[in-house]
Every structure is written in structure tokens, then in C-alpha cells.
Amino acid sequence: MYYIQYTVTTLNNLHISSPVYKVMQGTSVDIEYPLKLRCKNNYDNGYIELYLVGDYYEDGTEKMCTGTFMISRGSDKDNYFEWNEIVKFNMDGGLPSDQRYHFKDFTVE
């Protein structure tokens, strides 16, 4: 997030400034895109494997996904007051089922 302000000083030392504007850049996924997060317990090694699953077109090809995502987790111990980031990542036209979109959550008890 950035802030921008335009300031002008004339030859007569008159200073004029615009209001401060907040500038944000972000990418987002189409709100209609049905991206799913799947979880699988790995009891032997003490983590939960998280992976993204996409949707398919009628011809069987997987829909590409573009956006900025964050996977976070909360706990019922504090009534889901605090959320901890597990991973933050960008997808630029990728396939959700690619291996690079598999994550491990070691915060489970």
C-alpha cells in the first residue's frame, strides 16, 4: 500500500498540496471462480497437507486461475479471534492442481 500527495511550490513560494491519496495495487480472482482447498491429515509426520483444486470446462480442460491468495488458520481455543498466515502466494494463469500449490500446515496439535 502506498500514499501519494501532489505538492506544488510556485516561484513566489506559494505551497499547495493535494489531499493524501491511498494507492493500492492488487489482483484478485474472479468471484465466480470455484477454487477449492482440500486437506489431508498426515498423522505420522504431524501435519495437514493443503492443496488447491480447480474446476474444469465442459471439454475436460482445467480452468486457469489468476490472483493473489493467502491461506490462514484460526483456532477454537480463542474463538477464532487470531488468524495465522500459513502461506501467501500469487497465481498468474496457473493450474491449481500443480504441485507448487501444495502446502503443509505444521501448526496442528
N, C-alpha and C. Protein backbone atom coordinates (compact mmCIF):
# COMPACT_ATOMS: atom_id res chain seq x y z
N MET A 1 0.85 -1.16 0.00
CA MET A 1 0.00 0.00 0.00
C MET A 1 0.90 1.23 0.00
N TYR A 2 0.54 2.20 -0.82
CA TYR A 2 1.32 3.43 -0.92
C TYR A 2 0.40 4.62 -0.73
N TYR A 3 0.98 5.74 -0.39
CA TYR A 3 0.26 7.00 -0.30
C TYR A 3 0.92 7.98 -1.24
N ILE A 4 0.11 8.82 -1.88
CA ILE A 4 0.65 9.78 -2.82
C ILE A 4 0.02 11.14 -2.54
N GLN A 5 0.84 12.17 -2.65
CA GLN A 5 0.36 13.53 -2.48
C GLN A 5 1.08 14.40 -3.50
N TYR A 6 0.34 15.24 -4.19
CA TYR A 6 0.90 16.12 -5.21
C TYR A 6 1.11 17.49 -4.56
N THR A 7 2.35 17.98 -4.61
CA THR A 7 2.69 19.26 -4.00
C THR A 7 3.34 20.17 -5.02
N VAL A 8 2.90 21.44 -5.05
CA VAL A 8 3.44 22.43 -5.99
C VAL A 8 3.94 23.63 -5.19
N THR A 9 5.11 24.11 -5.57
CA THR A 9 5.64 25.34 -5.00
C THR A 9 5.89 26.31 -6.14
N THR A 10 5.28 27.49 -6.07
CA THR A 10 5.43 28.48 -7.14
C THR A 10 6.71 29.28 -6.93
N LEU A 11 7.03 30.11 -7.91
CA LEU A 11 8.21 30.98 -7.80
C LEU A 11 8.06 31.99 -6.66
N ASN A 12 6.82 32.29 -6.27
CA ASN A 12 6.57 33.22 -5.15
C ASN A 12 6.48 32.50 -3.82
N ASN A 13 6.93 31.26 -3.78
CA ASN A 13 6.91 30.44 -2.57
C ASN A 13 5.51 30.14 -2.03
N LEU A 14 4.55 30.02 -2.92
CA LEU A 14 3.22 29.57 -2.55
C LEU A 14 3.22 28.05 -2.61
N HIS A 15 2.86 27.39 -1.51
CA HIS A 15 2.84 25.94 -1.44
C HIS A 15 1.40 25.45 -1.46
N ILE A 16 1.09 24.58 -2.40
CA ILE A 16 -0.25 23.99 -2.50
C ILE A 16 -0.07 22.47 -2.60
N SER A 17 -0.85 21.75 -1.80
CA SER A 17 -0.78 20.28 -1.82
C SER A 17 -2.17 19.69 -1.98
N SER A 18 -2.20 18.60 -2.67
CA SER A 18 -3.46 17.85 -2.80
C SER A 18 -3.69 17.06 -1.53
N PRO A 19 -4.88 16.51 -1.38
CA PRO A 19 -5.08 15.57 -0.27
C PRO A 19 -4.18 14.35 -0.45
N VAL A 20 -3.98 13.61 0.61
CA VAL A 20 -3.19 12.38 0.54
C VAL A 20 -4.11 11.26 0.06
N TYR A 21 -3.70 10.59 -1.01
CA TYR A 21 -4.50 9.50 -1.57
C TYR A 21 -3.82 8.17 -1.30
N LYS A 22 -4.62 7.21 -0.93
CA LYS A 22 -4.11 5.86 -0.73
C LYS A 22 -4.12 5.15 -2.08
N VAL A 23 -2.99 4.54 -2.44
CA VAL A 23 -2.86 3.84 -3.71
C VAL A 23 -2.58 2.38 -3.40
N MET A 24 -3.43 1.51 -3.89
CA MET A 24 -3.24 0.08 -3.66
C MET A 24 -3.27 -0.63 -4.99
N GLN A 25 -2.45 -1.64 -5.11
CA GLN A 25 -2.48 -2.47 -6.29
C GLN A 25 -2.75 -3.88 -5.84
N GLY A 26 -3.63 -4.52 -6.51
CA GLY A 26 -3.91 -5.89 -6.15
C GLY A 26 -4.52 -6.65 -7.30
N THR A 27 -4.34 -7.92 -7.23
CA THR A 27 -5.00 -8.78 -8.21
C THR A 27 -5.98 -9.63 -7.44
N SER A 28 -7.02 -10.02 -8.09
CA SER A 28 -7.99 -10.85 -7.41
C SER A 28 -8.54 -11.88 -8.37
N VAL A 29 -9.09 -12.89 -7.81
CA VAL A 29 -9.68 -13.95 -8.60
C VAL A 29 -11.12 -13.57 -8.92
N ASP A 30 -11.60 -14.00 -10.06
CA ASP A 30 -12.99 -13.79 -10.43
C ASP A 30 -13.88 -14.38 -9.35
N ILE A 31 -14.82 -13.60 -8.85
CA ILE A 31 -15.64 -14.03 -7.73
C ILE A 31 -16.42 -15.30 -8.05
N GLU A 32 -16.61 -15.58 -9.32
CA GLU A 32 -17.35 -16.77 -9.72
C GLU A 32 -16.46 -18.00 -9.82
N TYR A 33 -15.15 -17.85 -9.66
CA TYR A 33 -14.24 -18.98 -9.85
C TYR A 33 -14.34 -19.93 -8.67
N PRO A 34 -14.68 -21.18 -8.90
CA PRO A 34 -14.87 -22.13 -7.79
C PRO A 34 -13.58 -22.85 -7.38
N LEU A 35 -12.65 -22.13 -6.80
CA LEU A 35 -11.40 -22.70 -6.33
C LEU A 35 -11.64 -23.35 -4.97
N LYS A 36 -11.15 -24.57 -4.78
CA LYS A 36 -11.39 -25.30 -3.53
C LYS A 36 -10.08 -25.63 -2.85
N LEU A 37 -10.11 -25.62 -1.53
CA LEU A 37 -8.96 -26.00 -0.72
C LEU A 37 -9.27 -27.36 -0.11
N ARG A 38 -8.42 -28.33 -0.38
CA ARG A 38 -8.59 -29.69 0.17
C ARG A 38 -7.53 -29.92 1.23
N CYS A 39 -7.86 -30.73 2.21
CA CYS A 39 -6.95 -31.02 3.31
C CYS A 39 -6.85 -32.52 3.52
N LYS A 40 -5.64 -32.95 3.89
CA LYS A 40 -5.41 -34.37 4.16
C LYS A 40 -4.47 -34.48 5.35
N ASN A 41 -4.91 -35.21 6.39
CA ASN A 41 -4.08 -35.41 7.58
C ASN A 41 -2.91 -36.34 7.28
N ASN A 42 -1.73 -35.97 7.77
CA ASN A 42 -0.57 -36.85 7.74
C ASN A 42 -0.21 -37.11 9.20
N TYR A 43 -0.84 -38.13 9.77
CA TYR A 43 -0.69 -38.42 11.20
C TYR A 43 0.75 -38.78 11.56
N ASP A 44 1.43 -39.53 10.70
CA ASP A 44 2.79 -40.00 11.01
C ASP A 44 3.78 -38.85 11.15
N ASN A 45 3.63 -37.80 10.37
CA ASN A 45 4.59 -36.69 10.38
C ASN A 45 4.04 -35.43 11.04
N GLY A 46 2.80 -35.44 11.49
CA GLY A 46 2.26 -34.33 12.27
C GLY A 46 1.94 -33.07 11.50
N TYR A 47 1.36 -33.19 10.33
CA TYR A 47 0.94 -32.00 9.60
C TYR A 47 -0.29 -32.31 8.77
N ILE A 48 -0.91 -31.24 8.29
CA ILE A 48 -2.02 -31.38 7.36
C ILE A 48 -1.56 -30.87 6.01
N GLU A 49 -1.74 -31.67 4.99
CA GLU A 49 -1.38 -31.25 3.63
C GLU A 49 -2.56 -30.49 3.05
N LEU A 50 -2.29 -29.29 2.57
CA LEU A 50 -3.30 -28.45 1.95
C LEU A 50 -2.99 -28.36 0.46
N TYR A 51 -3.99 -28.49 -0.36
CA TYR A 51 -3.77 -28.34 -1.79
C TYR A 51 -5.00 -27.76 -2.45
N LEU A 52 -4.76 -27.03 -3.53
CA LEU A 52 -5.83 -26.37 -4.25
C LEU A 52 -6.36 -27.27 -5.35
N VAL A 53 -7.65 -27.22 -5.54
CA VAL A 53 -8.31 -27.99 -6.58
C VAL A 53 -9.12 -27.01 -7.41
N GLY A 54 -8.95 -27.06 -8.72
CA GLY A 54 -9.68 -26.16 -9.60
C GLY A 54 -10.92 -26.79 -10.17
N ASP A 55 -11.50 -26.09 -11.10
CA ASP A 55 -12.70 -26.56 -11.78
C ASP A 55 -12.33 -26.86 -13.23
N TYR A 56 -13.23 -27.55 -13.93
CA TYR A 56 -12.96 -27.97 -15.30
C TYR A 56 -14.02 -27.42 -16.25
N TYR A 57 -13.59 -27.14 -17.47
CA TYR A 57 -14.52 -26.78 -18.53
C TYR A 57 -15.25 -28.03 -19.02
N GLU A 58 -16.27 -27.83 -19.82
CA GLU A 58 -17.05 -28.96 -20.33
C GLU A 58 -16.21 -29.93 -21.16
N ASP A 59 -15.14 -29.40 -21.81
CA ASP A 59 -14.30 -30.28 -22.63
C ASP A 59 -13.26 -31.04 -21.80
N GLY A 60 -13.27 -30.85 -20.46
CA GLY A 60 -12.37 -31.59 -19.59
C GLY A 60 -11.07 -30.87 -19.25
N THR A 61 -10.80 -29.71 -19.85
CA THR A 61 -9.57 -28.97 -19.52
C THR A 61 -9.80 -28.17 -18.25
N GLU A 62 -8.72 -28.06 -17.46
CA GLU A 62 -8.81 -27.36 -16.18
C GLU A 62 -8.78 -25.85 -16.39
N LYS A 63 -9.59 -25.14 -15.63
CA LYS A 63 -9.62 -23.69 -15.70
C LYS A 63 -8.36 -23.12 -15.07
N MET A 64 -7.78 -22.13 -15.74
CA MET A 64 -6.61 -21.44 -15.20
C MET A 64 -7.06 -20.48 -14.10
N CYS A 65 -6.16 -20.15 -13.20
CA CYS A 65 -6.50 -19.28 -12.07
C CYS A 65 -5.49 -18.15 -11.97
N THR A 66 -5.98 -16.94 -11.76
CA THR A 66 -5.12 -15.78 -11.59
C THR A 66 -5.58 -15.03 -10.35
N GLY A 67 -4.63 -14.63 -9.52
CA GLY A 67 -4.98 -13.86 -8.34
C GLY A 67 -3.93 -13.96 -7.26
N THR A 68 -4.16 -13.25 -6.18
CA THR A 68 -3.31 -13.27 -5.00
C THR A 68 -4.10 -13.94 -3.89
N PHE A 69 -3.50 -14.92 -3.24
CA PHE A 69 -4.19 -15.72 -2.25
C PHE A 69 -3.40 -15.79 -0.95
N MET A 70 -4.12 -15.98 0.15
CA MET A 70 -3.48 -16.23 1.44
C MET A 70 -4.28 -17.33 2.12
N ILE A 71 -3.58 -18.33 2.60
CA ILE A 71 -4.19 -19.38 3.40
C ILE A 71 -3.81 -19.10 4.84
N SER A 72 -4.81 -18.99 5.71
CA SER A 72 -4.56 -18.73 7.12
C SER A 72 -5.40 -19.69 7.95
N ARG A 73 -5.06 -19.78 9.23
CA ARG A 73 -5.81 -20.70 10.08
C ARG A 73 -6.07 -20.05 11.43
N GLY A 74 -7.24 -20.39 11.98
CA GLY A 74 -7.63 -19.91 13.30
C GLY A 74 -7.87 -21.10 14.21
N SER A 75 -8.15 -20.82 15.46
CA SER A 75 -8.34 -21.88 16.44
C SER A 75 -9.59 -21.61 17.27
N ASP A 76 -10.26 -22.68 17.65
CA ASP A 76 -11.42 -22.53 18.51
C ASP A 76 -11.01 -22.19 19.95
N LYS A 77 -9.70 -22.31 20.27
CA LYS A 77 -9.23 -22.00 21.63
C LYS A 77 -9.42 -20.53 21.97
N ASP A 78 -9.33 -19.64 20.97
CA ASP A 78 -9.58 -18.21 21.20
C ASP A 78 -10.80 -17.74 20.42
N ASN A 79 -11.70 -18.68 20.11
CA ASN A 79 -12.93 -18.40 19.38
C ASN A 79 -12.64 -17.75 18.02
N TYR A 80 -11.58 -18.22 17.39
CA TYR A 80 -11.16 -17.76 16.05
C TYR A 80 -10.89 -16.26 16.02
N PHE A 81 -10.35 -15.73 17.12
CA PHE A 81 -10.02 -14.31 17.20
C PHE A 81 -8.76 -13.99 16.40
N GLU A 82 -7.74 -14.82 16.56
CA GLU A 82 -6.46 -14.58 15.88
C GLU A 82 -6.30 -15.57 14.73
N TRP A 83 -5.93 -15.04 13.55
CA TRP A 83 -5.70 -15.88 12.36
C TRP A 83 -4.24 -15.79 11.99
N ASN A 84 -3.60 -16.95 11.81
CA ASN A 84 -2.17 -17.02 11.48
C ASN A 84 -2.00 -17.40 10.02
N GLU A 85 -1.14 -16.66 9.36
CA GLU A 85 -0.86 -16.93 7.95
C GLU A 85 -0.04 -18.20 7.80
N ILE A 86 -0.50 -19.09 6.95
CA ILE A 86 0.27 -20.29 6.62
C ILE A 86 1.13 -20.02 5.40
N VAL A 87 0.50 -19.46 4.36
CA VAL A 87 1.24 -19.16 3.14
C VAL A 87 0.48 -18.09 2.36
N LYS A 88 1.23 -17.24 1.66
CA LYS A 88 0.66 -16.24 0.76
C LYS A 88 1.33 -16.46 -0.59
N PHE A 89 0.56 -16.44 -1.68
CA PHE A 89 1.13 -16.73 -2.98
C PHE A 89 0.31 -16.09 -4.09
N ASN A 90 0.93 -15.95 -5.25
CA ASN A 90 0.27 -15.44 -6.44
C ASN A 90 0.13 -16.57 -7.45
N MET A 91 -0.96 -16.55 -8.18
CA MET A 91 -1.14 -17.45 -9.31
C MET A 91 -1.39 -16.58 -10.53
N ASP A 92 -0.60 -16.78 -11.55
CA ASP A 92 -0.76 -15.99 -12.76
C ASP A 92 -1.09 -16.93 -13.91
N GLY A 93 -2.34 -17.31 -14.00
CA GLY A 93 -2.76 -18.21 -15.06
C GLY A 93 -2.33 -19.64 -14.84
N GLY A 94 -2.08 -20.01 -13.58
CA GLY A 94 -1.62 -21.36 -13.29
C GLY A 94 -2.76 -22.34 -13.12
N LEU A 95 -2.39 -23.60 -13.07
CA LEU A 95 -3.35 -24.66 -12.81
C LEU A 95 -3.32 -24.96 -11.31
N PRO A 96 -4.45 -24.88 -10.63
CA PRO A 96 -4.46 -25.13 -9.19
C PRO A 96 -3.95 -26.50 -8.78
N SER A 97 -4.04 -27.50 -9.65
CA SER A 97 -3.61 -28.83 -9.27
C SER A 97 -2.10 -29.05 -9.44
N ASP A 98 -1.36 -28.02 -9.89
CA ASP A 98 0.10 -28.14 -9.99
C ASP A 98 0.70 -28.43 -8.61
N GLN A 99 1.81 -29.14 -8.57
CA GLN A 99 2.49 -29.46 -7.31
C GLN A 99 2.89 -28.21 -6.53
N ARG A 100 3.12 -27.10 -7.19
CA ARG A 100 3.58 -25.90 -6.48
C ARG A 100 2.49 -25.31 -5.60
N TYR A 101 1.25 -25.78 -5.72
CA TYR A 101 0.16 -25.29 -4.91
C TYR A 101 -0.24 -26.31 -3.85
N HIS A 102 0.75 -27.03 -3.34
CA HIS A 102 0.57 -27.95 -2.21
C HIS A 102 1.34 -27.34 -1.04
N PHE A 103 0.71 -27.29 0.13
CA PHE A 103 1.33 -26.67 1.30
C PHE A 103 1.15 -27.60 2.49
N LYS A 104 2.00 -27.41 3.49
CA LYS A 104 1.93 -28.22 4.71
C LYS A 104 1.71 -27.29 5.90
N ASP A 105 0.70 -27.61 6.70
CA ASP A 105 0.38 -26.86 7.91
C ASP A 105 0.90 -27.65 9.10
N PHE A 106 2.01 -27.18 9.70
CA PHE A 106 2.62 -27.85 10.84
C PHE A 106 2.12 -27.28 12.17
N THR A 107 1.10 -26.41 12.13
CA THR A 107 0.62 -25.79 13.37
C THR A 107 -0.46 -26.62 14.05
N VAL A 108 -0.81 -27.78 13.49
CA VAL A 108 -1.82 -28.63 14.12
C VAL A 108 -1.22 -29.28 15.37
N GLU A 109 -2.09 -29.65 16.29
CA GLU A 109 -1.59 -30.26 17.53
C GLU A 109 -1.73 -31.76 17.47
